[in-house]
């Protein structure tokens, strides 16, 4: 398993935080994802994490992203169309 860089690229997980309450009709979907990702290291705090622990969290985040991707993208489309 390759070690992750301290600063992670933009992703669905980080993007959803930027507008988590933008549209009330999709609030449940977005809140559900946020509840799963709230404890994940992001931003500059990532440099404080041990590489092995960061790699484990990044792998977990990738699994969560894959599971939520379709629903979140649909919610984003609906928000953009509103």
PDB file of N, CA and C in Angstrom:
ATOM      1  N   UNK A   1       0.843  -1.176   0.000  1.00  0.00           N
ATOM      2  CA  UNK A   1       0.000   0.000   0.000  1.00  0.00           C
ATOM      3  C   UNK A   1       0.893   1.245   0.000  1.00  0.00           C
ATOM      4  N   UNK A   2       0.642   2.125  -0.954  1.00  0.00           N
ATOM      5  CA  UNK A   2       1.439   3.346  -1.048  1.00  0.00           C
ATOM      6  C   UNK A   2       0.998   4.320   0.039  1.00  0.00           C
ATOM      7  N   UNK A   3       1.949   5.080   0.518  1.00  0.00           N
ATOM      8  CA  UNK A   3       1.631   6.070   1.535  1.00  0.00           C
ATOM      9  C   UNK A   3       0.983   7.273   0.878  1.00  0.00           C
ATOM     10  N   UNK A   4       0.043   7.867   1.536  1.00  0.00           N
ATOM     11  CA  UNK A   4      -0.666   9.023   1.014  1.00  0.00           C
ATOM     12  C   UNK A   4       0.114  10.291   1.294  1.00  0.00           C
ATOM     13  N   UNK A   5      -0.080  11.261   0.425  1.00  0.00           N
ATOM     14  CA  UNK A   5       0.546  12.550   0.676  1.00  0.00           C
ATOM     15  C   UNK A   5      -0.202  13.243   1.803  1.00  0.00           C
ATOM     16  N   UNK A   6       0.459  14.149   2.511  1.00  0.00           N
ATOM     17  CA  UNK A   6      -0.189  14.818   3.630  1.00  0.00           C
ATOM     18  C   UNK A   6      -1.391  15.667   3.216  1.00  0.00           C
ATOM     19  N   UNK A   7      -1.379  16.209   2.017  1.00  0.00           N
ATOM     20  CA  UNK A   7      -2.478  17.046   1.566  1.00  0.00           C
ATOM     21  C   UNK A   7      -3.213  16.298   0.470  1.00  0.00           C
ATOM     22  N   UNK A   8      -4.444  15.966   0.724  1.00  0.00           N
ATOM     23  CA  UNK A   8      -5.249  15.156  -0.193  1.00  0.00           C
ATOM     24  C   UNK A   8      -5.922  16.039  -1.226  1.00  0.00           C
ATOM     25  N   UNK A   9      -6.049  15.531  -2.431  1.00  0.00           N
ATOM     26  CA  UNK A   9      -6.706  16.270  -3.504  1.00  0.00           C
ATOM     27  C   UNK A   9      -8.184  16.472  -3.191  1.00  0.00           C
ATOM     28  N   UNK A  10      -8.809  17.391  -3.930  1.00  0.00           N
ATOM     29  CA  UNK A  10     -10.239  17.616  -3.763  1.00  0.00           C
ATOM     30  C   UNK A  10     -10.991  16.338  -4.081  1.00  0.00           C
ATOM     31  N   UNK A  11     -12.109  16.150  -3.430  1.00  0.00           N
ATOM     32  CA  UNK A  11     -12.882  14.948  -3.620  1.00  0.00           C
ATOM     33  C   UNK A  11     -14.342  15.244  -3.328  1.00  0.00           C
ATOM     34  N   UNK A  12     -15.155  14.260  -3.552  1.00  0.00           N
ATOM     35  CA  UNK A  12     -16.567  14.396  -3.217  1.00  0.00           C
ATOM     36  C   UNK A  12     -16.710  14.692  -1.734  1.00  0.00           C
ATOM     37  N   UNK A  13     -15.912  14.007  -0.928  1.00  0.00           N
ATOM     38  CA  UNK A  13     -15.984  14.184   0.522  1.00  0.00           C
ATOM     39  C   UNK A  13     -15.684  15.624   0.913  1.00  0.00           C
ATOM     40  N   UNK A  14     -14.615  16.198   0.390  1.00  0.00           N
ATOM     41  CA  UNK A  14     -14.290  17.577   0.765  1.00  0.00           C
ATOM     42  C   UNK A  14     -15.249  18.571   0.123  1.00  0.00           C
ATOM     43  N   UNK A  15     -15.705  18.261  -1.084  1.00  0.00           N
ATOM     44  CA  UNK A  15     -16.623  19.157  -1.771  1.00  0.00           C
ATOM     45  C   UNK A  15     -17.971  19.278  -1.085  1.00  0.00           C
ATOM     46  N   UNK A  16     -18.448  18.175  -0.561  1.00  0.00           N
ATOM     47  CA  UNK A  16     -19.760  18.202   0.085  1.00  0.00           C
ATOM     48  C   UNK A  16     -19.761  19.098   1.312  1.00  0.00           C
ATOM     49  N   UNK A  17     -18.648  19.254   1.957  1.00  0.00           N
ATOM     50  CA  UNK A  17     -18.573  20.122   3.141  1.00  0.00           C
ATOM     51  C   UNK A  17     -18.827  21.577   2.776  1.00  0.00           C
ATOM     52  N   UNK A  18     -18.521  21.953   1.545  1.00  0.00           N
ATOM     53  CA  UNK A  18     -18.623  23.356   1.136  1.00  0.00           C
ATOM     54  C   UNK A  18     -20.057  23.841   1.001  1.00  0.00           C
ATOM     55  N   UNK A  19     -20.979  22.939   0.791  1.00  0.00           N
ATOM     56  CA  UNK A  19     -22.364  23.376   0.647  1.00  0.00           C
ATOM     57  C   UNK A  19     -23.334  22.439   1.351  1.00  0.00           C
ATOM     58  N   UNK A  20     -22.926  21.920   2.472  1.00  0.00           N
ATOM     59  CA  UNK A  20     -23.693  20.860   3.116  1.00  0.00           C
ATOM     60  C   UNK A  20     -25.144  21.220   3.437  1.00  0.00           C
ATOM     61  N   UNK A  21     -25.469  22.483   3.535  1.00  0.00           N
ATOM     62  CA  UNK A  21     -26.861  22.848   3.808  1.00  0.00           C
ATOM     63  C   UNK A  21     -27.425  23.781   2.744  1.00  0.00           C
ATOM     64  N   UNK A  22     -26.891  23.723   1.536  1.00  0.00           N
ATOM     65  CA  UNK A  22     -27.307  24.625   0.470  1.00  0.00           C
ATOM     66  C   UNK A  22     -28.740  24.397   0.029  1.00  0.00           C
ATOM     67  N   UNK A  23     -29.214  23.181   0.106  1.00  0.00           N
ATOM     68  CA  UNK A  23     -30.558  22.871  -0.387  1.00  0.00           C
ATOM     69  C   UNK A  23     -31.235  21.909   0.581  1.00  0.00           C
ATOM     70  N   UNK A  24     -32.278  22.367   1.212  1.00  0.00           N
ATOM     71  CA  UNK A  24     -32.937  21.607   2.279  1.00  0.00           C
ATOM     72  C   UNK A  24     -33.510  20.268   1.800  1.00  0.00           C
ATOM     73  N   UNK A  25     -33.936  20.173   0.554  1.00  0.00           N
ATOM     74  CA  UNK A  25     -34.529  18.921   0.068  1.00  0.00           C
ATOM     75  C   UNK A  25     -33.527  17.777   0.054  1.00  0.00           C
ATOM     76  N   UNK A  26     -32.254  18.072  -0.036  1.00  0.00           N
ATOM     77  CA  UNK A  26     -31.232  17.031  -0.095  1.00  0.00           C
ATOM     78  C   UNK A  26     -30.410  16.969   1.187  1.00  0.00           C
ATOM     79  N   UNK A  27     -30.896  17.661   2.190  1.00  0.00           N
ATOM     80  CA  UNK A  27     -30.200  17.743   3.463  1.00  0.00           C
ATOM     81  C   UNK A  27     -29.934  16.370   4.077  1.00  0.00           C
ATOM     82  N   UNK A  28     -30.893  15.460   4.017  1.00  0.00           N
ATOM     83  CA  UNK A  28     -30.720  14.136   4.616  1.00  0.00           C
ATOM     84  C   UNK A  28     -29.560  13.370   4.016  1.00  0.00           C
ATOM     85  N   UNK A  29     -29.457  13.375   2.700  1.00  0.00           N
ATOM     86  CA  UNK A  29     -28.361  12.681   2.019  1.00  0.00           C
ATOM     87  C   UNK A  29     -27.024  13.286   2.395  1.00  0.00           C
ATOM     88  N   UNK A  30     -26.962  14.595   2.372  1.00  0.00           N
ATOM     89  CA  UNK A  30     -25.699  15.285   2.643  1.00  0.00           C
ATOM     90  C   UNK A  30     -25.309  15.139   4.117  1.00  0.00           C
ATOM     91  N   UNK A  31     -26.263  15.243   5.013  1.00  0.00           N
ATOM     92  CA  UNK A  31     -25.970  15.077   6.443  1.00  0.00           C
ATOM     93  C   UNK A  31     -25.501  13.653   6.729  1.00  0.00           C
ATOM     94  N   UNK A  32     -26.110  12.677   6.074  1.00  0.00           N
ATOM     95  CA  UNK A  32     -25.707  11.285   6.292  1.00  0.00           C
ATOM     96  C   UNK A  32     -24.248  11.073   5.884  1.00  0.00           C
ATOM     97  N   UNK A  33     -23.854  11.619   4.745  1.00  0.00           N
ATOM     98  CA  UNK A  33     -22.455  11.503   4.331  1.00  0.00           C
ATOM     99  C   UNK A  33     -21.549  12.255   5.297  1.00  0.00           C
ATOM    100  N   UNK A  34     -21.916  13.471   5.640  1.00  0.00           N
ATOM    101  CA  UNK A  34     -21.102  14.272   6.563  1.00  0.00           C
ATOM    102  C   UNK A  34     -20.896  13.550   7.892  1.00  0.00           C
ATOM    103  N   UNK A  35     -21.914  12.845   8.363  1.00  0.00           N
ATOM    104  CA  UNK A  35     -21.775  12.138   9.631  1.00  0.00           C
ATOM    105  C   UNK A  35     -20.734  11.022   9.543  1.00  0.00           C
ATOM    106  N   UNK A  36     -20.569  10.464   8.357  1.00  0.00           N
ATOM    107  CA  UNK A  36     -19.566   9.410   8.173  1.00  0.00           C
ATOM    108  C   UNK A  36     -18.154   9.955   8.018  1.00  0.00           C
ATOM    109  N   UNK A  37     -18.017  11.189   7.558  1.00  0.00           N
ATOM    110  CA  UNK A  37     -16.686  11.725   7.241  1.00  0.00           C
ATOM    111  C   UNK A  37     -16.192  12.790   8.211  1.00  0.00           C
ATOM    112  N   UNK A  38     -17.003  13.140   9.202  1.00  0.00           N
ATOM    113  CA  UNK A  38     -16.664  14.271  10.070  1.00  0.00           C
ATOM    114  C   UNK A  38     -15.337  14.118  10.811  1.00  0.00           C
ATOM    115  N   UNK A  39     -14.914  12.899  11.081  1.00  0.00           N
ATOM    116  CA  UNK A  39     -13.678  12.701  11.839  1.00  0.00           C
ATOM    117  C   UNK A  39     -12.449  12.427  10.965  1.00  0.00           C
ATOM    118  N   UNK A  40     -12.603  12.566   9.665  1.00  0.00           N
ATOM    119  CA  UNK A  40     -11.474  12.311   8.780  1.00  0.00           C
ATOM    120  C   UNK A  40     -10.537  13.507   8.761  1.00  0.00           C
ATOM    121  N   UNK A  41      -9.240  13.255   8.765  1.00  0.00           N
ATOM    122  CA  UNK A  41      -8.294  14.371   8.737  1.00  0.00           C
ATOM    123  C   UNK A  41      -8.344  15.092   7.396  1.00  0.00           C
ATOM    124  N   UNK A  42      -8.341  16.402   7.455  1.00  0.00           N
ATOM    125  CA  UNK A  42      -8.342  17.190   6.221  1.00  0.00           C
ATOM    126  C   UNK A  42      -7.506  18.441   6.418  1.00  0.00           C
ATOM    127  N   UNK A  43      -7.079  18.982   5.313  1.00  0.00           N
ATOM    128  CA  UNK A  43      -6.303  20.212   5.363  1.00  0.00           C
ATOM    129  C   UNK A  43      -4.925  20.010   5.981  1.00  0.00           C
ATOM    130  N   UNK A  44      -4.440  21.030   6.623  1.00  0.00           N
ATOM    131  CA  UNK A  44      -3.081  21.016   7.156  1.00  0.00           C
ATOM    132  C   UNK A  44      -2.881  20.054   8.319  1.00  0.00           C
ATOM    133  N   UNK A  45      -3.963  19.648   8.986  1.00  0.00           N
ATOM    134  CA  UNK A  45      -3.834  18.711  10.104  1.00  0.00           C
ATOM    135  C   UNK A  45      -3.310  17.348   9.640  1.00  0.00           C
ATOM    136  N   UNK A  46      -3.450  17.060   8.335  1.00  0.00           N
ATOM    137  CA  UNK A  46      -2.983  15.779   7.800  1.00  0.00           C
ATOM    138  C   UNK A  46      -1.482  15.568   8.015  1.00  0.00           C
ATOM    139  N   UNK A  47      -0.721  16.641   8.050  1.00  0.00           N
ATOM    140  CA  UNK A  47       0.727  16.491   8.244  1.00  0.00           C
ATOM    141  C   UNK A  47       1.053  16.004   9.649  1.00  0.00           C
ATOM    142  N   UNK A  48       0.116  16.112  10.572  1.00  0.00           N
ATOM    143  CA  UNK A  48       0.332  15.672  11.951  1.00  0.00           C
ATOM    144  C   UNK A  48       0.038  14.180  12.145  1.00  0.00           C
ATOM    145  N   UNK A  49      -0.570  13.561  11.170  1.00  0.00           N
ATOM    146  CA  UNK A  49      -0.943  12.150  11.263  1.00  0.00           C
ATOM    147  C   UNK A  49       0.213  11.254  10.850  1.00  0.00           C
ATOM    148  N   UNK A  50       0.307  10.104  11.487  1.00  0.00           N
ATOM    149  CA  UNK A  50       1.290   9.093  11.084  1.00  0.00           C
ATOM    150  C   UNK A  50       0.912   8.592   9.685  1.00  0.00           C
ATOM    151  N   UNK A  51       1.891   8.382   8.820  1.00  0.00           N
ATOM    152  CA  UNK A  51       1.591   7.947   7.445  1.00  0.00           C
ATOM    153  C   UNK A  51       0.721   6.697   7.363  1.00  0.00           C
ATOM    154  N   UNK A  52       0.960   5.699   8.214  1.00  0.00           N
ATOM    155  CA  UNK A  52       0.153   4.476   8.150  1.00  0.00           C
ATOM    156  C   UNK A  52      -1.298   4.754   8.541  1.00  0.00           C
ATOM    157  N   UNK A  53      -1.513   5.618   9.536  1.00  0.00           N
ATOM    158  CA  UNK A  53      -2.871   5.945   9.976  1.00  0.00           C
ATOM    159  C   UNK A  53      -3.593   6.769   8.905  1.00  0.00           C
ATOM    160  N   UNK A  54      -2.860   7.672   8.282  1.00  0.00           N
ATOM    161  CA  UNK A  54      -3.423   8.477   7.208  1.00  0.00           C
ATOM    162  C   UNK A  54      -3.807   7.595   6.023  1.00  0.00           C
ATOM    163  N   UNK A  55      -2.969   6.632   5.700  1.00  0.00           N
ATOM    164  CA  UNK A  55      -3.269   5.703   4.602  1.00  0.00           C
ATOM    165  C   UNK A  55      -4.531   4.900   4.908  1.00  0.00           C
ATOM    166  N   UNK A  56      -4.698   4.487   6.149  1.00  0.00           N
ATOM    167  CA  UNK A  56      -5.899   3.735   6.541  1.00  0.00           C
ATOM    168  C   UNK A  56      -7.144   4.611   6.414  1.00  0.00           C
ATOM    169  N   UNK A  57      -7.069   5.844   6.892  1.00  0.00           N
ATOM    170  CA  UNK A  57      -8.211   6.758   6.800  1.00  0.00           C
ATOM    171  C   UNK A  57      -8.525   7.088   5.346  1.00  0.00           C
ATOM    172  N   UNK A  58      -7.486   7.275   4.520  1.00  0.00           N
ATOM    173  CA  UNK A  58      -7.705   7.569   3.105  1.00  0.00           C
ATOM    174  C   UNK A  58      -8.369   6.397   2.395  1.00  0.00           C
ATOM    175  N   UNK A  59      -7.990   5.183   2.735  1.00  0.00           N
ATOM    176  CA  UNK A  59      -8.615   4.001   2.142  1.00  0.00           C
ATOM    177  C   UNK A  59     -10.081   3.913   2.567  1.00  0.00           C
ATOM    178  N   UNK A  60     -10.349   4.199   3.821  1.00  0.00           N
ATOM    179  CA  UNK A  60     -11.721   4.191   4.316  1.00  0.00           C
ATOM    180  C   UNK A  60     -12.546   5.281   3.625  1.00  0.00           C
ATOM    181  N   UNK A  61     -11.952   6.465   3.455  1.00  0.00           N
ATOM    182  CA  UNK A  61     -12.634   7.563   2.774  1.00  0.00           C
ATOM    183  C   UNK A  61     -12.958   7.192   1.336  1.00  0.00           C
ATOM    184  N   UNK A  62     -12.052   6.496   0.671  1.00  0.00           N
ATOM    185  CA  UNK A  62     -12.292   6.076  -0.714  1.00  0.00           C
ATOM    186  C   UNK A  62     -13.478   5.110  -0.788  1.00  0.00           C
ATOM    187  N   UNK A  63     -13.585   4.212   0.162  1.00  0.00           N
ATOM    188  CA  UNK A  63     -14.720   3.281   0.188  1.00  0.00           C
ATOM    189  C   UNK A  63     -16.033   4.032   0.433  1.00  0.00           C
ATOM    190  N   UNK A  64     -16.003   4.982   1.340  1.00  0.00           N
ATOM    191  CA  UNK A  64     -17.195   5.781   1.639  1.00  0.00           C
ATOM    192  C   UNK A  64     -17.592   6.608   0.419  1.00  0.00           C
ATOM    193  N   UNK A  65     -16.606   7.231  -0.218  1.00  0.00           N
ATOM    194  CA  UNK A  65     -16.883   8.020  -1.421  1.00  0.00           C
ATOM    195  C   UNK A  65     -17.547   7.170  -2.493  1.00  0.00           C
ATOM    196  N   UNK A  66     -17.034   5.986  -2.712  1.00  0.00           N
ATOM    197  CA  UNK A  66     -17.592   5.113  -3.740  1.00  0.00           C
ATOM    198  C   UNK A  66     -19.042   4.747  -3.414  1.00  0.00           C
ATOM    199  N   UNK A  67     -19.305   4.469  -2.149  1.00  0.00           N
ATOM    200  CA  UNK A  67     -20.659   4.090  -1.724  1.00  0.00           C
ATOM    201  C   UNK A  67     -21.648   5.253  -1.888  1.00  0.00           C
ATOM    202  N   UNK A  68     -21.219   6.475  -1.628  1.00  0.00           N
ATOM    203  CA  UNK A  68     -22.102   7.629  -1.652  1.00  0.00           C
ATOM    204  C   UNK A  68     -22.098   8.395  -2.968  1.00  0.00           C
ATOM    205  N   UNK A  69     -21.196   8.096  -3.858  1.00  0.00           N
ATOM    206  CA  UNK A  69     -20.967   8.900  -5.058  1.00  0.00           C
ATOM    207  C   UNK A  69     -22.241   9.164  -5.863  1.00  0.00           C
ATOM    208  N   UNK A  70     -22.982   8.129  -6.194  1.00  0.00           N
ATOM    209  CA  UNK A  70     -24.165   8.286  -7.034  1.00  0.00           C
ATOM    210  C   UNK A  70     -25.191   9.207  -6.377  1.00  0.00           C
ATOM    211  N   UNK A  71     -25.497   8.963  -5.112  1.00  0.00           N
ATOM    212  CA  UNK A  71     -26.493   9.773  -4.414  1.00  0.00           C
ATOM    213  C   UNK A  71     -26.081  11.220  -4.245  1.00  0.00           C
ATOM    214  N   UNK A  72     -24.820  11.438  -3.915  1.00  0.00           N
ATOM    215  CA  UNK A  72     -24.332  12.809  -3.726  1.00  0.00           C
ATOM    216  C   UNK A  72     -24.306  13.558  -5.051  1.00  0.00           C
ATOM    217  N   UNK A  73     -23.841  12.908  -6.118  1.00  0.00           N
ATOM    218  CA  UNK A  73     -23.821  13.573  -7.423  1.00  0.00           C
ATOM    219  C   UNK A  73     -25.238  13.927  -7.873  1.00  0.00           C
ATOM    220  N   UNK A  74     -26.181  13.054  -7.616  1.00  0.00           N
ATOM    221  CA  UNK A  74     -27.569  13.340  -7.953  1.00  0.00           C
ATOM    222  C   UNK A  74     -28.073  14.539  -7.137  1.00  0.00           C
ATOM    223  N   UNK A  75     -27.778  14.572  -5.849  1.00  0.00           N
ATOM    224  CA  UNK A  75     -28.175  15.708  -5.019  1.00  0.00           C
ATOM    225  C   UNK A  75     -27.541  16.995  -5.522  1.00  0.00           C
ATOM    226  N   UNK A  76     -26.282  16.946  -5.910  1.00  0.00           N
ATOM    227  CA  UNK A  76     -25.592  18.126  -6.434  1.00  0.00           C
ATOM    228  C   UNK A  76     -26.237  18.609  -7.734  1.00  0.00           C
ATOM    229  N   UNK A  77     -26.589  17.668  -8.603  1.00  0.00           N
ATOM    230  CA  UNK A  77     -27.267  18.038  -9.853  1.00  0.00           C
ATOM    231  C   UNK A  77     -28.590  18.746  -9.555  1.00  0.00           C
ATOM    232  N   UNK A  78     -29.342  18.193  -8.625  1.00  0.00           N
ATOM    233  CA  UNK A  78     -30.633  18.785  -8.283  1.00  0.00           C
ATOM    234  C   UNK A  78     -30.456  20.172  -7.657  1.00  0.00           C
ATOM    235  N   UNK A  79     -29.444  20.335  -6.835  1.00  0.00           N
ATOM    236  CA  UNK A  79     -29.164  21.636  -6.228  1.00  0.00           C
ATOM    237  C   UNK A  79     -28.788  22.640  -7.303  1.00  0.00           C
ATOM    238  N   UNK A  80     -27.933  22.231  -8.239  1.00  0.00           N
ATOM    239  CA  UNK A  80     -27.497  23.128  -9.318  1.00  0.00           C
ATOM    240  C   UNK A  80     -28.657  23.517 -10.231  1.00  0.00           C
ATOM    241  N   UNK A  81     -29.611  22.614 -10.409  1.00  0.00           N
ATOM    242  CA  UNK A  81     -30.756  22.878 -11.266  1.00  0.00           C
ATOM    243  C   UNK A  81     -31.807  23.752 -10.573  1.00  0.00           C
ATOM    244  N   UNK A  82     -31.745  23.831  -9.267  1.00  0.00           N
ATOM    245  CA  UNK A  82     -32.764  24.581  -8.515  1.00  0.00           C
ATOM    246  C   UNK A  82     -32.686  26.080  -8.756  1.00  0.00           C
TER     247      UNK A  82
END
